[in-house]
C-alpha atoms as a PDB file:
ATOM      1  CA  MET A   1     157.454 120.800  83.332  1.00  0.00           C
ATOM      2  CA  ILE A   2     157.013 117.039  83.296  1.00  0.00           C
ATOM      3  CA  GLN A   3     158.995 116.768  80.068  1.00  0.00           C
ATOM      4  CA  LEU A   4     161.760 118.893  81.561  1.00  0.00           C
ATOM      5  CA  GLY A   5     161.897 116.489  84.501  1.00  0.00           C
ATOM      6  CA  PHE A   6     162.407 113.544  82.154  1.00  0.00           C
ATOM      7  CA  ILE A   7     165.178 115.437  80.342  1.00  0.00           C
ATOM      8  CA  LEU A   8     166.926 116.225  83.621  1.00  0.00           C
ATOM      9  CA  GLU A   9     166.662 112.596  84.760  1.00  0.00           C
ATOM     10  CA  ALA A  10     169.421 111.705  82.285  1.00  0.00           C
ATOM     11  CA  PHE A  11     171.963 113.969  84.020  1.00  0.00           C
ATOM     12  CA  THR A  12     173.899 113.819  87.255  1.00  0.00           C
ATOM     13  CA  PRO A  13     172.988 116.565  89.778  1.00  0.00           C
ATOM     14  CA  GLN A  14     176.005 118.664  88.729  1.00  0.00           C
ATOM     15  CA  GLU A  15     175.220 118.225  85.045  1.00  0.00           C
ATOM     16  CA  ARG A  16     171.601 119.196  85.708  1.00  0.00           C
ATOM     17  CA  ASN A  17     172.633 122.540  87.171  1.00  0.00           C
ATOM     18  CA  ILE A  18     174.988 123.277  84.292  1.00  0.00           C
ATOM     19  CA  TRP A  19     172.435 122.229  81.665  1.00  0.00           C
ATOM     20  CA  MET A  20     169.620 124.206  83.289  1.00  0.00           C
ATOM     21  CA  LYS A  21     171.707 127.400  83.439  1.00  0.00           C
ATOM     22  CA  ALA A  22     172.766 127.004  79.812  1.00  0.00           C
ATOM     23  CA  ASN A  23     169.399 126.018  78.304  1.00  0.00           C
ATOM     24  CA  VAL A  24     166.488 127.135  80.478  1.00  0.00           C
ATOM     25  CA  PRO A  25     165.512 130.781  81.093  1.00  0.00           C
ATOM     26  CA  GLY A  26     165.721 131.967  84.691  1.00  0.00           C
ATOM     27  CA  ILE A  27     161.973 132.256  85.292  1.00  0.00           C
ATOM     28  CA  ALA A  28     161.439 128.721  83.984  1.00  0.00           C
ATOM     29  CA  ARG A  29     164.144 127.425  86.355  1.00  0.00           C
ATOM     30  CA  VAL A  30     162.393 129.108  89.274  1.00  0.00           C
ATOM     31  CA  LEU A  31     159.007 127.716  88.234  1.00  0.00           C
ATOM     32  CA  TYR A  32     160.457 124.244  87.808  1.00  0.00           C
ATOM     33  CA  ASN A  33     161.962 124.355  91.300  1.00  0.00           C
ATOM     34  CA  LEU A  34     158.726 125.677  92.828  1.00  0.00           C
ATOM     35  CA  LEU A  35     156.157 123.608  90.936  1.00  0.00           C
ATOM     36  CA  GLY A  36     157.532 121.509  88.129  1.00  0.00           C
ATOM     37  CA  ARG A  37     159.701 119.156  90.121  1.00  0.00           C
ATOM     38  CA  ARG A  38     156.720 118.061  92.236  1.00  0.00           C
ATOM     39  CA  GLN A  39     154.598 117.611  89.103  1.00  0.00           C
ATOM     40  CA  TYR A  40     157.318 115.500  87.520  1.00  0.00           C
ATOM     41  CA  GLU A  41     157.872 113.375  90.642  1.00  0.00           C
ATOM     42  CA  SER A  42     154.138 112.780  91.010  1.00  0.00           C
ATOM     43  CA  TYR A  43     153.808 111.741  87.376  1.00  0.00           C
ATOM     44  CA  TYR A  44     156.911 109.530  87.598  1.00  0.00           C
ATOM     45  CA  ARG A  45     155.492 107.699  90.632  1.00  0.00           C
ATOM     46  CA  LEU A  46     152.179 107.242  88.842  1.00  0.00           C
ATOM     47  CA  ILE A  47     153.838 105.676  85.792  1.00  0.00           C
ATOM     48  CA  TYR A  48     156.700 103.684  87.370  1.00  0.00           C
ATOM     49  CA  ASP A  49     155.492 103.175  90.958  1.00  0.00           C
ATOM     50  CA  ALA A  50     158.916 104.358  92.142  1.00  0.00           C
ATOM     51  CA  ARG A  51     160.671 107.571  93.085  1.00  0.00           C
ATOM     52  CA  PRO A  52     162.811 109.297  90.458  1.00  0.00           C
ATOM     53  CA  SER A  53     166.525 109.573  91.130  1.00  0.00           C
END
């Protein structure tokens, strides 16, 4: 989930939605929204001492 967060960081919000629908299975999208995004943001803050965009 953390790696997915770093991949999504490269996209605009609209591009993220399009890319997720095209490349990530539905259950993984749900899990990312429920758990993965928080894991990614926590890890990002730990490494960069900043909030991800």
